[in-house]
Protein backbone atom coordinates (compact mmCIF):
# COMPACT_ATOMS: atom_id res chain seq x y z
CA MET A 1 -21.95 7.27 3.13
CA PRO A 2 -22.56 11.03 4.22
CA GLY A 3 -23.10 12.96 1.78
CA ARG A 4 -21.77 17.08 1.49
CA PRO A 5 -23.20 19.00 4.86
CA PRO A 6 -25.14 21.89 2.98
CA PRO A 7 -24.00 25.57 2.57
CA ALA A 8 -25.71 26.55 6.39
CA ILE A 9 -23.20 24.41 7.98
CA LEU A 10 -20.03 25.74 6.17
CA SER A 11 -20.93 28.88 6.12
CA GLY A 12 -19.44 29.27 9.30
CA PHE A 13 -16.72 28.50 8.71
CA PRO A 14 -13.21 30.01 6.93
CA SER A 15 -12.75 29.80 2.97
CA GLU A 16 -10.43 26.70 2.06
CA THR A 17 -7.56 29.35 1.48
CA ASP A 18 -7.56 31.11 4.44
CA PHE A 19 -8.32 27.55 6.83
CA MET A 20 -4.71 26.68 5.32
CA ARG A 21 -2.86 29.47 5.94
CA ARG A 22 -4.12 29.47 9.79
CA LEU A 23 -2.96 25.78 9.70
CA LEU A 24 0.07 26.88 8.40
CA PHE A 25 0.46 29.96 11.07
CA LEU A 26 0.10 26.63 13.69
CA ILE A 27 1.93 24.45 12.24
CA HIS A 28 4.78 26.83 12.60
CA ARG A 29 4.37 28.28 15.91
CA TYR A 30 3.88 25.13 17.82
CA LEU A 31 6.75 22.57 15.43
CA GLY A 32 9.30 26.04 15.73
CA ILE A 33 8.89 25.27 19.81
CA GLY A 34 10.83 22.36 19.57
CA ILE A 35 12.55 21.91 15.76
CA GLY A 36 13.54 25.56 16.70
CA LEU A 37 15.47 25.24 19.16
CA ILE A 38 18.01 22.19 18.03
CA MET A 39 17.87 24.50 14.50
CA ALA A 40 19.13 27.35 17.34
CA MET A 41 21.69 25.26 18.76
CA TRP A 42 22.76 23.85 15.30
CA CYS A 43 23.58 27.66 14.80
CA LEU A 44 25.70 28.38 17.89
CA SER A 45 27.21 25.04 17.79
CA GLY A 46 28.23 25.46 14.10
CA PHE A 47 30.72 28.82 15.68
CA VAL A 48 32.22 26.29 17.26
CA MET A 49 32.93 23.99 14.91
CA MET A 50 34.53 26.37 12.57
CA TYR A 51 37.11 26.43 14.84
CA MET A 52 36.90 23.00 16.29
CA PRO A 53 36.33 20.18 14.96
CA TYR A 54 35.73 16.54 15.69
CA PRO A 55 39.45 14.21 17.85
CA ASN A 56 40.66 12.90 14.86
CA LEU A 57 44.15 10.80 14.77
CA SER A 58 45.66 12.24 11.85
CA GLN A 59 47.80 10.52 9.94
CA GLU A 60 50.58 12.65 10.75
CA ALA A 61 50.60 12.84 14.21
CA LYS A 62 49.88 8.72 14.11
CA LEU A 63 53.77 9.03 12.30
CA ALA A 64 55.14 11.43 14.72
CA GLY A 65 54.54 9.18 17.51
CA SER A 66 56.45 5.79 16.03
CA PRO A 67 59.52 5.05 16.95
CA PRO A 68 62.29 4.61 14.29
CA LEU A 69 61.99 0.98 12.56
CA ASP A 70 64.62 -1.38 14.38
CA LEU A 71 65.06 -4.33 12.13
CA ARG A 72 67.99 -6.27 13.79
CA ALA A 73 65.32 -8.63 15.03
CA CYS A 74 63.71 -9.20 11.20
CA CYS A 75 62.70 -10.80 10.01
CA GLU A 76 60.73 -14.63 10.98
CA THR A 77 58.10 -15.37 8.44
CA GLY A 78 57.85 -19.37 9.10
CA SER A 79 53.87 -18.77 10.23
CA LEU A 80 52.20 -16.17 7.45
CA GLU A 81 52.43 -19.87 5.35
CA GLY A 82 50.13 -21.52 7.74
CA LEU A 83 47.76 -18.11 7.40
CA GLY A 84 45.89 -18.94 4.96
CA LEU A 85 46.46 -15.73 3.20
CA VAL A 86 45.24 -16.20 -0.63
CA ASP A 87 45.27 -12.54 -1.81
CA VAL A 88 47.27 -10.18 0.15
CA TYR A 89 46.52 -6.15 -1.39
CA GLY A 90 48.77 -4.64 1.38
CA PHE A 91 51.06 -5.19 4.27
CA SER A 92 53.10 -2.77 6.98
CA VAL A 93 56.08 -3.54 9.54
CA GLU A 94 55.92 -0.96 12.23
CA MET A 95 57.42 -1.20 15.70
CA LEU A 96 55.37 -2.67 18.68
CA SER A 97 57.00 -0.66 21.04
CA ASP A 98 60.14 -2.15 20.85
CA ARG A 99 59.57 -5.00 18.74
CA PRO A 100 58.96 -5.15 15.06
CA VAL A 101 55.72 -6.35 13.72
CA LEU A 102 54.12 -7.49 10.28
CA ARG A 103 50.54 -6.31 9.77
CA VAL A 104 48.53 -8.42 6.45
CA ARG A 105 45.33 -6.75 4.39
CA ALA A 106 44.18 -9.96 2.41
CA SER A 107 40.95 -10.81 1.46
CA GLY A 108 38.74 -12.70 3.76
CA GLY A 109 38.99 -9.96 6.19
CA LYS A 110 42.15 -11.40 7.21
CA ASN A 111 43.86 -9.28 8.88
CA PRO A 112 47.24 -10.59 11.43
CA ILE A 113 49.93 -9.34 12.76
CA VAL A 114 53.72 -11.75 12.86
CA ASP A 115 55.64 -10.78 15.30
CA LEU A 116 58.74 -10.69 13.27
CA GLY A 117 61.28 -11.71 16.14
CA THR A 118 59.41 -14.46 17.03
CA GLY A 119 57.34 -15.50 14.29
CA GLU A 120 53.91 -15.92 16.95
CA VAL A 121 50.71 -14.50 15.74
CA ILE A 122 49.98 -11.22 18.29
CA ASP A 123 46.09 -11.76 19.09
CA GLY A 124 45.72 -8.79 21.22
CA VAL A 125 47.92 -7.23 23.67
CA GLY A 126 47.74 -6.99 27.65
CA PRO A 127 47.55 -3.68 29.42
CA GLU A 128 51.85 -4.57 30.36
CA ARG A 129 52.58 -4.77 26.48
CA ALA A 130 49.45 -1.44 25.85
CA GLU A 131 51.61 0.66 28.59
CA LEU A 132 54.57 -0.03 27.23
CA ILE A 133 53.43 0.89 23.48
CA SER A 134 52.04 4.50 24.73
CA LYS A 135 55.85 5.19 26.70
CA SER A 136 56.74 4.59 23.26
CA PHE A 137 54.18 7.21 21.29
CA ARG A 138 54.77 9.90 24.41
CA GLU A 139 58.27 9.77 24.03
CA GLN A 140 58.12 10.47 20.21
CA LEU A 141 55.57 13.08 20.43
CA GLY A 142 57.36 14.64 23.69
CA LEU A 143 54.57 14.94 25.28
CA ALA A 144 55.37 16.24 28.86
CA GLY A 145 54.70 15.31 32.42
CA ASP A 146 55.61 11.67 34.22
CA THR A 147 52.52 10.37 35.00
CA LEU A 148 51.09 7.64 32.74
CA ARG A 149 46.88 6.70 33.41
CA GLN A 150 45.49 3.52 32.63
CA GLU A 151 41.92 2.27 32.59
CA LEU A 152 40.05 0.26 29.86
CA VAL A 153 37.77 1.48 28.09
CA VAL A 154 35.12 -0.31 25.87
CA GLN A 155 33.36 2.80 24.17
CA ASP A 156 33.32 6.53 25.46
CA GLN A 157 32.45 10.06 23.79
CA TRP A 158 35.63 10.02 21.92
CA THR A 159 35.41 6.47 20.36
CA VAL A 160 32.13 6.13 20.13
CA THR A 161 31.88 5.14 16.16
CA ARG A 162 31.30 2.19 14.76
CA ALA A 163 34.71 2.21 12.52
CA PHE A 164 36.33 2.27 15.55
CA ASP A 165 34.56 -1.42 16.56
CA PRO A 166 37.43 -3.49 15.92
CA PHE A 167 39.54 -1.95 17.76
CA ARG A 168 37.25 -2.62 21.31
CA PRO A 169 37.83 -2.34 24.02
CA PHE A 170 40.80 0.20 24.53
CA TYR A 171 43.31 1.08 27.25
CA LYS A 172 43.14 4.65 27.61
CA PHE A 173 46.27 6.78 28.68
CA SER A 174 45.94 9.82 30.20
CA ALA A 175 49.51 12.22 30.94
CA ASP A 176 50.09 15.03 33.41
CA ASP A 177 50.96 17.74 30.54
CA PRO A 178 49.58 21.07 30.23
CA GLN A 179 47.49 19.71 27.11
CA GLY A 180 45.72 17.14 29.13
CA THR A 181 46.67 15.24 26.50
CA GLU A 182 44.70 11.41 26.38
CA TRP A 183 45.14 8.26 23.81
CA TYR A 184 43.88 4.97 23.27
CA VAL A 185 45.44 2.09 22.99
CA ALA A 186 43.67 -0.99 20.74
CA SER A 187 43.59 -4.17 22.47
CA THR A 188 42.79 -6.12 19.12
CA THR A 189 46.39 -4.48 17.44
CA GLY A 190 48.53 -2.67 19.56
CA GLU A 191 47.94 1.05 17.27
CA ILE A 192 47.22 4.35 18.87
CA VAL A 193 44.21 5.09 17.35
CA GLN A 194 42.22 7.99 19.38
CA LEU A 195 44.08 11.07 20.97
CA THR A 196 42.32 14.15 22.60
CA THR A 197 43.72 17.55 24.80
CA ALA A 198 41.39 18.71 27.57
CA THR A 199 40.53 22.13 24.76
CA GLN A 200 39.37 20.01 22.22
CA ARG A 201 37.40 17.63 23.99
CA PHE A 202 36.11 20.85 26.34
CA TRP A 203 34.99 22.96 22.51
CA ASN A 204 33.20 20.17 21.49
CA TRP A 205 30.95 19.77 24.62
CA LEU A 206 29.76 22.92 22.61
CA GLY A 207 30.86 22.14 19.06
CA ALA A 208 30.36 18.82 17.18
CA VAL A 209 28.61 16.67 20.08
CA PRO A 210 25.09 19.22 20.13
CA HIS A 211 25.61 19.77 15.85
CA TRP A 212 25.97 16.24 15.13
CA LEU A 213 23.07 14.57 18.27
CA TYR A 214 26.49 13.53 19.29
CA PRO A 215 26.32 11.85 23.14
CA THR A 216 27.68 8.36 22.91
CA ALA A 217 23.64 7.17 24.79
CA LEU A 218 22.42 8.73 21.05
CA ARG A 219 25.17 7.95 18.89
CA GLN A 220 26.53 4.18 19.72
CA HIS A 221 22.82 2.99 18.27
CA ASP A 222 23.52 3.75 14.70
CA GLN A 223 20.33 2.97 13.15
CA LEU A 224 18.64 5.33 16.04
CA TRP A 225 20.91 7.96 15.45
CA SER A 226 20.61 8.49 11.78
CA GLN A 227 16.76 8.17 11.51
CA LEU A 228 16.37 11.13 14.52
CA VAL A 229 18.65 12.98 11.98
CA ILE A 230 17.50 12.90 8.87
CA TRP A 231 14.18 13.43 10.36
CA LEU A 232 14.23 16.00 12.37
CA SER A 233 16.82 17.91 9.32
CA LEU A 234 13.36 17.33 7.36
CA ALA A 235 11.29 18.91 9.73
CA GLY A 236 13.76 21.52 9.99
CA VAL A 237 13.39 21.83 6.20
CA PHE A 238 9.73 22.16 6.21
CA LEU A 239 9.59 24.56 8.96
CA THR A 240 11.84 26.74 7.24
CA ILE A 241 10.36 26.31 3.88
CA VAL A 242 7.03 27.43 6.20
CA GLY A 243 8.46 29.93 7.67
CA LEU A 244 9.78 31.34 4.24
CA TYR A 245 6.10 31.54 2.91
CA ILE A 246 4.50 33.03 6.04
CA GLY A 247 7.22 36.26 5.93
CA LEU A 248 6.26 37.00 2.99
CA LEU A 249 3.30 36.35 2.80
CA ARG A 250 3.56 39.08 5.77
CA TYR A 251 5.55 41.26 4.39
CA ARG A 252 3.56 44.12 2.86
CA LYS A 253 2.95 47.67 3.26
CA LEU A 254 0.64 48.20 5.51
CA PRO A 255 -2.17 51.41 6.70
CA SER A 256 0.45 52.46 8.69
CA GLY A 257 3.02 52.97 6.21
CA ARG A 258 5.36 49.74 8.07
CA ARG A 259 5.84 46.36 5.90
CA SER A 260 5.86 44.15 8.49
CA PRO A 261 2.41 43.51 11.07
CA TYR A 262 4.67 42.37 13.88
CA ARG A 263 6.26 44.31 16.46
CA GLY A 264 9.25 43.39 19.30
CA VAL A 265 10.98 40.31 18.96
CA GLY A 266 8.28 39.62 16.74
CA LEU A 267 10.02 41.80 13.85
CA TRP A 268 12.89 41.01 13.98
CA HIS A 269 12.28 37.58 13.81
CA HIS A 270 10.15 38.23 10.99
CA TYR A 271 13.13 40.96 9.26
CA ALA A 272 15.46 38.20 10.00
CA GLY A 273 13.82 35.09 8.76
CA LEU A 274 13.35 37.19 4.73
CA VAL A 275 16.72 38.03 5.16
CA PHE A 276 18.67 35.02 6.12
CA GLY A 277 15.97 32.79 5.88
CA ILE A 278 16.99 31.06 2.33
CA PHE A 279 20.49 30.17 3.98
CA VAL A 280 19.04 28.41 7.26
CA LEU A 281 16.38 26.65 4.48
CA THR A 282 20.47 25.65 2.99
CA TRP A 283 21.89 24.57 5.76
CA VAL A 284 19.64 22.33 7.43
CA ALA A 285 19.02 21.15 4.22
CA SER A 286 22.44 19.62 3.31
CA GLY A 287 22.80 18.44 7.29
CA PHE A 288 20.30 16.25 5.86
CA PHE A 289 22.19 15.63 3.20
CA SER A 290 24.96 14.79 5.24
CA MET A 291 23.31 11.63 6.24
CA ASN A 292 22.88 10.02 2.76
CA PRO A 293 19.55 9.42 3.46
CA TRP A 294 18.17 6.37 2.03
CA GLY A 295 21.29 5.58 -0.15
CA MET A 296 20.28 8.53 -1.80
CA PHE A 297 24.48 9.18 -2.88
CA ASP A 298 27.33 6.09 -4.03
CA PHE A 299 30.18 6.55 -2.46
CA GLY A 300 32.22 2.96 -3.80
CA GLY A 301 31.90 3.85 -7.63
CA GLY A 302 36.28 3.84 -6.98
CA GLU A 303 36.19 0.44 -5.97
CA ALA A 304 36.65 -0.66 -9.22
CA ALA A 305 39.37 1.93 -10.67
CA ARG A 306 40.94 0.89 -7.11
CA LYS A 307 41.26 -2.51 -8.29
CA ARG A 308 42.22 -1.96 -11.47
CA LEU A 309 45.34 -0.07 -10.66
CA GLN A 310 45.97 -2.81 -8.46
CA GLY A 311 46.78 -4.98 -10.49
CA VAL A 312 46.98 -8.82 -9.69
CA PRO A 313 47.48 -9.09 -5.72
CA LEU A 314 50.47 -10.96 -3.85
CA TYR A 315 50.49 -13.86 -2.07
CA SER A 316 51.79 -14.60 1.49
CA GLY A 317 54.84 -16.27 -0.62
CA GLU A 318 55.93 -13.10 -1.60
CA VAL A 319 55.55 -10.81 1.35
CA ALA A 320 57.89 -13.43 3.10
CA SER A 321 60.76 -13.52 -0.01
CA LEU A 322 61.02 -9.26 1.14
CA LEU A 323 60.73 -9.54 4.37
CA GLU A 324 63.73 -12.12 4.49
CA THR A 325 65.82 -9.50 2.87
CA LEU A 326 65.02 -6.66 5.04
CA PRO A 327 67.59 -6.70 7.31
CA GLN A 328 70.32 -6.04 4.75
CA ARG A 329 68.58 -3.37 3.01
CA GLU A 330 69.19 0.00 3.82
CA LEU A 331 66.34 1.96 4.20
CA PRO A 332 65.57 5.39 4.20
CA ARG A 333 66.56 7.35 7.37
CA ASP A 334 63.94 7.95 9.77
CA THR A 335 61.77 5.72 8.54
CA VAL A 336 59.08 4.50 10.40
CA LYS A 337 57.18 2.45 8.94
CA LEU A 338 57.05 0.58 5.64
CA GLU A 339 54.19 0.35 3.30
CA GLY A 340 53.87 -2.91 1.05
CA TYR A 341 51.50 -2.05 -2.07
CA THR A 342 50.64 -3.13 -5.48
CA LEU A 343 50.27 -0.92 -8.95
CA GLY A 344 50.23 -2.79 -12.20
CA GLY A 345 50.72 -5.97 -10.41
CA ARG A 346 54.21 -5.04 -8.85
CA LEU A 347 55.45 -4.73 -5.46
CA TYR A 348 56.39 -1.26 -4.40
CA VAL A 349 56.59 -0.11 -0.70
CA LEU A 350 56.36 3.52 0.78
CA ALA A 351 58.76 4.35 4.01
CA TRP A 352 57.09 6.50 5.91
CA HIS A 353 59.33 9.84 7.98
CA GLY A 354 58.18 10.67 11.42
CA ASP A 355 57.53 14.96 9.31
CA GLY A 356 54.45 12.43 7.33
CA LYS A 357 56.91 12.05 3.84
CA ALA A 358 57.08 9.12 2.43
CA THR A 359 59.74 7.67 0.03
CA ARG A 360 58.28 5.03 -2.90
CA LEU A 361 60.47 2.19 -3.07
CA SER A 362 61.23 -0.66 -6.10
CA GLY A 363 59.67 -3.77 -4.35
CA ALA A 364 62.63 -5.93 -5.70
CA ASP A 365 65.75 -4.43 -4.09
CA LEU A 366 63.63 -1.83 -2.14
CA ARG A 367 65.91 1.83 -3.95
CA PRO A 368 63.58 4.21 -4.50
CA ALA A 369 61.87 4.67 -7.83
CA PRO A 370 59.96 7.56 -8.16
CA LEU A 371 56.79 7.64 -10.09
CA THR A 372 57.94 8.98 -13.91
CA ASP A 373 55.53 6.95 -16.21
CA TRP A 374 51.28 7.66 -15.37
CA SER A 375 50.30 5.96 -19.33
CA GLU A 376 49.97 2.56 -17.71
CA LEU A 377 48.39 4.13 -14.31
CA VAL A 378 46.57 6.22 -16.66
CA ALA A 379 45.09 3.57 -19.13
CA ALA A 380 44.65 1.62 -15.86
CA ALA A 381 42.64 3.66 -14.14
CA ALA A 382 40.03 4.26 -17.41
CA GLY A 383 39.27 1.29 -17.58
CA ARG A 384 37.22 0.96 -21.01
CA SER A 385 35.93 5.05 -20.49
CA THR A 386 37.81 7.64 -22.79
CA VAL A 387 40.05 9.27 -21.19
CA LEU A 388 39.70 13.42 -21.82
CA GLU A 389 42.77 14.77 -19.39
CA ALA A 390 45.47 13.74 -17.86
CA GLY A 391 48.50 14.86 -16.48
CA LEU A 392 49.59 16.56 -12.57
CA LEU A 393 47.57 18.98 -10.86
CA SER A 394 49.49 21.37 -9.02
CA GLU A 395 46.65 23.36 -8.18
CA GLU A 396 43.63 22.82 -5.84
CA ASP A 397 40.63 22.63 -8.44
CA ALA A 398 36.85 22.63 -7.87
CA TYR A 399 36.69 18.29 -6.08
CA TYR A 400 40.42 17.96 -4.98
CA TYR A 401 41.26 20.27 -2.22
CA THR A 402 42.04 21.61 1.16
CA GLY A 403 38.61 22.44 2.90
CA HIS A 404 36.96 22.76 6.44
CA GLU A 405 37.13 19.28 6.05
CA LEU A 406 39.35 17.40 3.42
CA GLN A 407 42.95 17.42 2.92
CA ALA A 408 44.24 17.48 -0.44
CA HIS A 409 47.71 16.82 -1.23
CA LEU A 410 49.96 18.19 -3.83
CA PRO A 411 51.09 18.30 -6.58
CA VAL A 412 48.61 15.75 -7.72
CA TYR A 413 47.80 12.98 -11.39
CA ARG A 414 44.11 14.51 -12.52
CA ILE A 415 42.48 12.00 -14.79
CA VAL A 416 38.95 13.08 -16.63
CA LEU A 417 36.74 10.18 -18.41
CA ASP A 418 34.24 10.37 -21.06
CA ASN A 419 31.78 9.95 -18.18
CA ARG A 420 32.72 13.40 -16.77
CA ASP A 421 34.28 10.85 -13.73
CA ARG A 422 37.42 12.40 -11.73
CA LEU A 423 39.82 9.89 -10.30
CA TYR A 424 43.06 11.44 -8.74
CA LEU A 425 46.42 9.49 -7.98
CA ASN A 426 48.31 10.02 -5.34
CA SER A 427 51.60 11.92 -7.12
CA THR A 428 54.27 9.51 -4.32
CA SER A 429 52.17 6.27 -4.54
CA GLY A 430 50.09 5.89 -7.88
CA GLU A 431 47.56 5.01 -6.08
CA LEU A 432 43.82 6.50 -5.43
CA ASP A 433 43.52 9.27 -3.80
CA ALA A 434 40.03 10.90 -4.46
CA TYR A 435 37.30 9.53 -6.75
CA PHE A 436 34.04 11.80 -7.56
CA ASP A 437 31.53 9.85 -10.34
CA GLU A 438 28.20 11.99 -11.15
CA SER A 439 26.92 10.64 -7.27
CA GLN A 440 30.14 11.82 -5.46
CA LYS A 441 29.83 15.37 -7.24
CA LEU A 442 26.42 15.76 -5.93
CA TYR A 443 27.41 14.79 -2.50
CA ARG A 444 30.36 17.31 -2.52
CA TRP A 445 27.58 20.77 -3.94
CA LEU A 446 24.91 19.38 -2.32
CA PHE A 447 26.64 18.85 1.44
CA SER A 448 30.08 20.42 1.07
CA GLY A 449 29.32 23.61 -1.22
CA LEU A 450 25.72 23.98 1.12
CA HIS A 451 26.61 23.41 3.94
CA SER A 452 30.66 25.02 4.09
CA LEU A 453 30.16 27.67 1.37
CA ASP A 454 33.25 26.37 -0.22
CA PHE A 455 32.37 27.06 -3.66
CA THR A 456 35.41 28.66 -5.11
CA GLY A 457 39.18 28.88 -4.01
CA TRP A 458 38.63 32.90 -3.08
CA ILE A 459 35.59 31.94 -1.16
CA ARG A 460 37.30 29.62 0.96
CA SER A 461 40.25 31.47 1.32
CA ARG A 462 40.93 32.73 5.21
CA PRO A 463 39.95 35.32 6.85
CA PHE A 464 37.27 35.82 3.90
CA TRP A 465 35.47 32.86 4.76
CA ASP A 466 34.79 33.76 8.24
CA LEU A 467 33.93 37.33 7.22
CA ILE A 468 31.55 35.94 5.32
CA VAL A 469 30.19 32.63 7.42
CA TRP A 470 30.20 35.14 10.66
CA LEU A 471 27.81 37.28 9.02
CA LEU A 472 25.54 34.04 7.67
CA MET A 473 25.55 32.51 10.93
CA LEU A 474 24.50 35.53 13.32
CA GLY A 475 21.38 36.02 10.78
CA VAL A 476 20.19 32.96 10.67
CA SER A 477 21.14 32.49 14.16
CA ALA A 478 18.93 35.39 15.40
CA ALA A 479 16.00 34.24 12.91
CA THR A 480 15.95 30.47 14.23
CA LEU A 481 16.78 32.63 18.35
CA THR A 482 13.57 34.36 18.31
CA GLY A 483 11.34 31.63 16.74
CA ALA A 484 12.37 29.61 19.27
CA TYR A 485 12.47 32.22 21.82
CA MET A 486 8.53 33.50 20.65
CA GLY A 487 7.21 29.37 20.28
CA VAL A 488 8.85 28.81 24.07
CA ARG A 489 7.09 32.54 25.39
CA ARG A 490 3.49 31.55 23.74
CA LEU A 491 3.96 27.62 25.16
CA VAL A 492 4.26 28.79 28.85
CA ARG A 493 1.03 31.39 28.26
């Protein structure tokens, strides 16, 4: 092994501290060329995302586009016994264009669809049926236009995620309405699964698509996309930390009386980085946490509580018995969907209305059965834990609130356990609406808190939130844009 070089050789080199500082300067400069441009893109696209979220067909819009239930042709259930359904966790009855159908959620991933007029199992829908479904949907939503165009789509920009895999391919429909509305009918289930407008599509190409690195060519490869975002975010965190260190190191009183050795764009970058660099760091770090890198956060903690609340699941005979009585029952007015579920091992039905509201009915006689006694549900939700607090919550709290990506349904029944877990039960159905254990609470602060600045109710109230975020985003954009500009300029030279 060669020995340590003699002092004469080392004398021509800078000290180890100076060498490391120079190395950090070079890393910050050249890493900033590529990563700085990406971070600048994240900042600019963030302005758009403040006001235009990624397209998503809400439950309310889906119900509004559903025709009223017509159960005169209901209910042939003879085929249910032959489907081999062991544990049924839920089911729904709704219209598939002009026919009532049953959708079942059972163990083993069995989710059959049954035509309640004929008793036949529906194995997907063809283009003619899809067109009938679309015409009904358009009529219920009141979309203008006379032309209805259809095309078969396997995957596109607005159906790129794995959540859409069970519904592929799609029949995409478009109308010549002023909003340029397009919607997607699943060929496997006949459900409307996505809806976009021309305005949403345009602004998302400037907002969510670049912000999330969401082009279809990349996003369709889940692992590649996930790892790319994780490592780019980590590189952004490293770049920002180094930049903050350099900025503080270079901020000192000079013989000229100035505090910065830079001029022009460099001066702007120096001061913008000093003032807003911490916000650059928190935003890029929270973006990193949003990816749940390497399983850092556990989001499955509420499943045990959900099963305890459900109790014993249904069997197909119970479902068939209820369905056979439907034509003789009087349902609440404007019911577009019936959703059956178990709570404490007993059957209940939610009658969903076109306005997005629901009425809870007893599974025995389909009469209104509003929740009044919560004691049994509280005990089931808690399991072996001790209940520290339980009661109806009419205002948002630190975890259950309507934010920029969340939707609270108030009032809600909140349960706090001795292990500090929080459970939020829907006040209409009694089902678990939200669950926060220590992992999910940490994620809430590291991502939602840092990324959306929704720490408290008064901060996230608008327009106060807009004013704060605009100020910070302008400063952060100045820091990233000036840094990217200097890096590119030096590279071109």
